[in-house]
Amino acid sequence: MRWLSSVLVFALATAASADVITLKSGRVITGTFVGGTARQVQVEVAGKVETIDVADIHGIEFSANAAADSGQSAPRTAPVAAPASTPPAPSVRAEAPQSLSPALEAPLPTDPGVYAKRQGQWIEVAPEVVYWKTPGKVPSMVGHHDVTGQVAAPSSRASFAGPPKLLVVVAEGGALTEYRLLRLHPTKDDREFRMAKGGQMHDFRDVLTFDSKKVFSNVFEVSFPATAGPGEYGLLPSGATNGNGKIFSFSVAQ
């Protein structure tokens, strides 16, 4: 399976072939991918172009070309022109990646949230409730004071043997900058992290810096810091500091 986010780059770089689109409804469409945008993809089926919403797609599989199937190297000729009846593929958007990390070659999650790679598939990292503890004040009040975020249980339900491969799907109009990667400190009954100055996002004391790459209009690959080591972690979205928020937590064993 190929990432849906690589559709435009893949289609422009290879000759047309039979492709399989699996919808969330269970319907399977076999045809030739001819183009797409951040919201829709187009596939030619029996000489007609069908437009499909990205939100309805579970995954796309591109078949190998004839040269790959035969084990022979492809001839060094110019790409074959598409038939006149086939609509031209759209230009690649400026933010589209020129290449994809091998870790991302799996069906595309479309629902906003945080996902981690396990056994070749993206699994959802379930959110947990954050409770705020502050000495006599609430997190939204202005002032110079420490605020502690608490998450129930001393360890997360999502555990990984090593640094996880993470994916964040933001809601429409959102951005990855709304998320903070935090180190959580286990106690006997829960996990905690600290911030200061009335809940401002930039004042987290346990915040970790991470690298990221946009792989689609609202999909981001997050590189877990190699130097972070084992422990309890979580991705906290903005707005979580207003009342009881949520955090996408996970454990790293080694």
Protein backbone atom coordinates (compact mmCIF):
# COMPACT_ATOMS: atom_id res chain seq x y z
CA MET A 1 0.00 0.00 0.00
CA ARG A 2 1.15 3.53 -0.67
CA TRP A 3 0.40 6.62 1.35
CA LEU A 4 -2.50 8.56 -0.10
CA SER A 5 -0.32 11.65 0.35
CA SER A 6 2.11 10.33 -2.28
CA VAL A 7 -0.62 10.06 -4.90
CA LEU A 8 0.30 13.20 -6.86
CA VAL A 9 4.06 12.60 -6.84
CA PHE A 10 3.61 8.91 -7.68
CA ALA A 11 1.20 9.56 -10.53
CA LEU A 12 3.44 12.16 -12.14
CA ALA A 13 6.53 9.97 -11.86
CA THR A 14 5.16 6.69 -13.30
CA ALA A 15 3.17 5.45 -16.25
CA ALA A 16 -0.53 4.69 -15.78
CA SER A 17 -1.39 1.27 -14.33
CA ALA A 18 -4.32 -0.47 -12.69
CA ASP A 19 -4.85 0.93 -9.21
CA VAL A 20 -7.15 -0.26 -6.43
CA ILE A 21 -9.01 2.16 -4.13
CA THR A 22 -10.68 0.69 -1.04
CA LEU A 23 -13.44 2.81 0.50
CA LYS A 24 -14.45 2.81 4.15
CA SER A 25 -17.80 1.40 3.07
CA GLY A 26 -16.04 -1.72 1.79
CA ARG A 27 -16.45 -0.88 -1.89
CA VAL A 28 -13.37 -1.60 -4.03
CA ILE A 29 -12.72 0.50 -7.15
CA THR A 30 -10.23 -0.72 -9.76
CA GLY A 31 -9.08 1.77 -12.35
CA THR A 32 -6.34 4.25 -13.20
CA PHE A 33 -5.47 7.13 -10.91
CA VAL A 34 -5.47 10.39 -12.90
CA GLY A 35 -5.17 13.16 -10.31
CA GLY A 36 -6.17 14.52 -6.94
CA THR A 37 -6.28 17.37 -4.46
CA ALA A 38 -6.18 17.60 -0.66
CA ARG A 39 -9.90 16.78 -0.61
CA GLN A 40 -10.55 14.50 -3.59
CA VAL A 41 -8.91 11.99 -5.91
CA GLN A 42 -9.89 11.07 -9.46
CA VAL A 43 -9.76 7.61 -10.99
CA GLU A 44 -10.65 6.51 -14.50
CA VAL A 45 -12.94 3.47 -14.56
CA ALA A 46 -14.16 1.98 -17.86
CA GLY A 47 -13.36 5.20 -19.73
CA LYS A 48 -15.14 7.46 -17.23
CA VAL A 49 -13.51 9.61 -14.54
CA GLU A 50 -14.92 9.13 -11.04
CA THR A 51 -14.25 11.68 -8.26
CA ILE A 52 -13.92 10.32 -4.71
CA ASP A 53 -13.71 12.26 -1.43
CA VAL A 54 -10.52 11.61 0.55
CA ALA A 55 -12.58 11.27 3.73
CA ASP A 56 -14.31 8.20 2.24
CA ILE A 57 -11.07 6.39 1.35
CA HIS A 58 -9.56 3.65 3.52
CA GLY A 59 -6.50 3.12 1.34
CA ILE A 60 -5.04 3.12 -2.19
CA GLU A 61 -2.89 0.39 -3.73
CA PHE A 62 -0.84 1.06 -6.85
CA SER A 63 0.02 -2.00 -8.97
CA ALA A 64 3.58 -2.41 -10.13
CA ASN A 65 4.33 -1.63 -13.76
CA ALA A 66 5.08 -4.35 -16.27
CA ALA A 67 8.83 -3.91 -16.01
CA ALA A 68 8.77 -4.42 -12.26
CA ASP A 69 6.59 -7.55 -12.59
CA SER A 70 9.01 -9.14 -15.06
CA GLY A 71 12.08 -8.34 -12.97
CA GLN A 72 13.63 -6.36 -15.83
CA SER A 73 14.84 -2.80 -15.68
CA ALA A 74 12.60 -0.26 -17.37
CA PRO A 75 13.77 1.08 -20.76
CA ARG A 76 15.29 4.55 -20.71
CA THR A 77 12.67 6.35 -22.77
CA ALA A 78 10.48 9.35 -22.16
CA PRO A 79 7.30 8.66 -20.18
CA VAL A 80 4.38 7.49 -22.30
CA ALA A 81 1.88 10.26 -22.94
CA ALA A 82 -1.57 9.78 -21.44
CA PRO A 83 -4.46 9.09 -23.86
CA ALA A 84 -6.26 12.18 -25.11
CA SER A 85 -9.40 11.15 -23.23
CA THR A 86 -7.57 11.06 -19.90
CA PRO A 87 -7.67 14.36 -17.94
CA PRO A 88 -4.16 15.68 -17.20
CA ALA A 89 -2.85 15.20 -13.69
CA PRO A 90 -2.87 18.43 -11.62
CA SER A 91 0.32 20.20 -10.66
CA VAL A 92 1.92 19.02 -7.44
CA ARG A 93 1.05 21.33 -4.55
CA ALA A 94 3.96 23.24 -3.08
CA GLU A 95 3.61 21.52 0.28
CA ALA A 96 3.46 18.00 -1.17
CA PRO A 97 6.57 15.93 -0.28
CA GLN A 98 8.98 14.91 -3.01
CA SER A 99 9.57 11.60 -1.26
CA LEU A 100 7.98 9.68 1.58
CA SER A 101 9.53 8.02 4.57
CA PRO A 102 9.29 4.20 4.24
CA ALA A 103 7.59 4.29 7.65
CA LEU A 104 4.58 6.00 6.07
CA GLU A 105 3.77 3.32 3.48
CA ALA A 106 0.47 2.24 5.02
CA PRO A 107 -3.24 3.13 4.56
CA LEU A 108 -3.94 6.75 5.37
CA PRO A 109 -5.83 7.63 8.56
CA THR A 110 -8.26 10.46 7.81
CA ASP A 111 -9.82 11.18 11.21
CA PRO A 112 -8.04 13.89 13.26
CA GLY A 113 -5.88 12.44 16.03
CA VAL A 114 -2.51 10.89 16.82
CA TYR A 115 -1.42 7.56 15.35
CA ALA A 116 1.55 5.24 15.85
CA LYS A 117 2.98 2.56 13.52
CA ARG A 118 2.57 -1.04 14.72
CA GLN A 119 2.99 -4.18 12.61
CA GLY A 120 2.77 -2.22 9.39
CA GLN A 121 -0.45 -0.41 10.29
CA TRP A 122 -1.31 2.95 11.83
CA ILE A 123 -3.10 2.48 15.14
CA GLU A 124 -4.84 5.29 16.98
CA VAL A 125 -3.26 6.57 20.19
CA ALA A 126 -6.30 6.99 22.42
CA PRO A 127 -6.57 10.34 24.24
CA GLU A 128 -6.62 10.53 28.03
CA VAL A 129 -8.02 13.24 30.26
CA VAL A 130 -5.66 15.84 31.75
CA TYR A 131 -6.54 17.15 35.21
CA TRP A 132 -4.95 20.41 36.33
CA LYS A 133 -3.54 21.03 39.79
CA THR A 134 -2.45 24.47 40.91
CA PRO A 135 -1.99 26.03 44.37
CA GLY A 136 -5.25 27.92 44.95
CA LYS A 137 -5.69 29.09 41.35
CA VAL A 138 -7.04 27.81 38.04
CA PRO A 139 -4.86 27.38 34.92
CA SER A 140 -6.63 30.11 32.94
CA MET A 141 -5.90 32.85 35.50
CA VAL A 142 -3.16 35.36 34.80
CA GLY A 143 -0.15 35.26 37.10
CA HIS A 144 3.24 33.74 37.74
CA HIS A 145 2.62 30.32 39.17
CA ASP A 146 3.25 26.67 38.41
CA VAL A 147 0.54 24.40 37.07
CA THR A 148 0.76 20.62 37.11
CA GLY A 149 -1.03 18.43 34.60
CA GLN A 150 -2.06 15.01 35.87
CA VAL A 151 -2.99 11.93 33.84
CA ALA A 152 -4.58 8.92 35.56
CA ALA A 153 -2.50 5.72 36.08
CA PRO A 154 1.30 5.55 36.32
CA SER A 155 1.71 4.29 32.74
CA SER A 156 -0.03 4.65 29.39
CA ARG A 157 -2.14 1.94 27.78
CA ALA A 158 -0.17 2.44 24.55
CA SER A 159 3.32 0.99 24.92
CA PHE A 160 6.11 0.65 22.36
CA ALA A 161 9.34 -1.33 22.55
CA GLY A 162 11.37 1.51 21.03
CA PRO A 163 10.95 5.06 19.73
CA PRO A 164 7.55 5.06 17.97
CA LYS A 165 6.83 6.29 14.47
CA LEU A 166 4.13 8.93 14.99
CA LEU A 167 1.60 10.54 12.71
CA VAL A 168 -0.64 13.51 13.54
CA VAL A 169 -3.79 14.23 11.52
CA VAL A 170 -4.95 17.74 12.38
CA ALA A 171 -8.51 19.01 11.96
CA GLU A 172 -9.32 21.22 8.99
CA GLY A 173 -7.79 24.63 9.58
CA GLY A 174 -5.47 23.27 12.29
CA ALA A 175 -1.67 23.07 12.41
CA LEU A 176 0.96 20.84 13.98
CA THR A 177 2.24 23.83 15.96
CA GLU A 178 -0.83 23.41 18.16
CA TYR A 179 0.73 20.25 19.64
CA ARG A 180 3.44 19.90 22.28
CA LEU A 181 5.42 16.73 22.95
CA LEU A 182 5.79 16.33 26.73
CA ARG A 183 7.70 14.08 29.07
CA LEU A 184 5.41 12.69 31.78
CA HIS A 185 6.74 11.79 35.23
CA PRO A 186 5.16 8.65 36.75
CA THR A 187 4.10 8.71 40.38
CA LYS A 188 2.43 6.03 42.47
CA ASP A 189 -1.04 6.80 41.12
CA ASP A 190 -0.63 8.93 37.99
CA ARG A 191 1.67 10.71 35.55
CA GLU A 192 2.48 14.40 35.83
CA PHE A 193 4.04 17.24 33.85
CA ARG A 194 4.63 20.88 34.79
CA MET A 195 4.21 24.26 33.17
CA ALA A 196 4.25 27.82 34.43
CA LYS A 197 2.68 31.28 34.12
CA GLY A 198 -0.99 30.47 33.99
CA GLY A 199 -1.04 27.79 31.32
CA GLN A 200 0.78 29.42 28.43
CA MET A 201 1.74 26.79 25.84
CA HIS A 202 5.31 28.07 25.50
CA ASP A 203 5.99 27.73 29.24
CA PHE A 204 5.91 23.93 29.53
CA ARG A 205 8.85 22.81 31.63
CA ASP A 206 8.66 19.25 30.35
CA VAL A 207 8.30 20.09 26.66
CA LEU A 208 10.50 18.25 24.15
CA THR A 209 11.60 19.52 20.75
CA PHE A 210 10.77 17.28 17.80
CA ASP A 211 11.21 17.32 14.04
CA SER A 212 8.26 16.94 11.69
CA LYS A 213 7.44 16.67 8.01
CA LYS A 214 4.19 17.48 6.22
CA VAL A 215 3.17 14.47 4.15
CA PHE A 216 -0.26 15.74 3.13
CA SER A 217 -2.32 18.89 3.61
CA ASN A 218 -3.33 17.99 7.18
CA VAL A 219 -1.08 14.99 7.89
CA PHE A 220 2.31 15.28 9.61
CA GLU A 221 5.04 12.76 10.36
CA VAL A 222 6.50 13.37 13.82
CA SER A 223 10.03 12.18 14.55
CA PHE A 224 10.30 11.07 18.16
CA PRO A 225 13.59 12.45 19.58
CA ALA A 226 16.24 9.74 19.53
CA THR A 227 17.80 11.19 22.70
CA ALA A 228 14.58 11.15 24.72
CA GLY A 229 15.07 7.60 25.99
CA PRO A 230 12.53 5.30 27.65
CA GLY A 231 9.69 6.75 29.69
CA GLU A 232 6.18 8.17 29.56
CA TYR A 233 5.29 10.77 26.94
CA GLY A 234 2.30 12.54 25.45
CA LEU A 235 1.23 14.93 22.68
CA LEU A 236 -0.87 17.75 24.11
CA PRO A 237 -3.03 19.80 21.70
CA SER A 238 -3.73 23.47 22.23
CA GLY A 239 -6.88 24.22 24.19
CA ALA A 240 -6.11 21.40 26.61
CA THR A 241 -5.14 23.97 29.23
CA ASN A 242 -8.68 25.31 29.43
CA GLY A 243 -10.45 23.14 31.99
CA ASN A 244 -9.86 19.41 31.82
CA GLY A 245 -8.24 18.74 28.45
CA LYS A 246 -6.88 15.70 26.68
CA ILE A 247 -3.45 14.29 25.91
CA PHE A 248 -2.39 11.51 23.55
CA SER A 249 -0.07 9.52 25.82
CA PHE A 250 2.25 6.57 25.17
CA SER A 251 5.10 4.65 26.82
CA VAL A 252 8.53 3.94 25.35
CA ALA A 253 10.19 0.86 26.85
CA GLN A 254 13.72 1.33 25.55
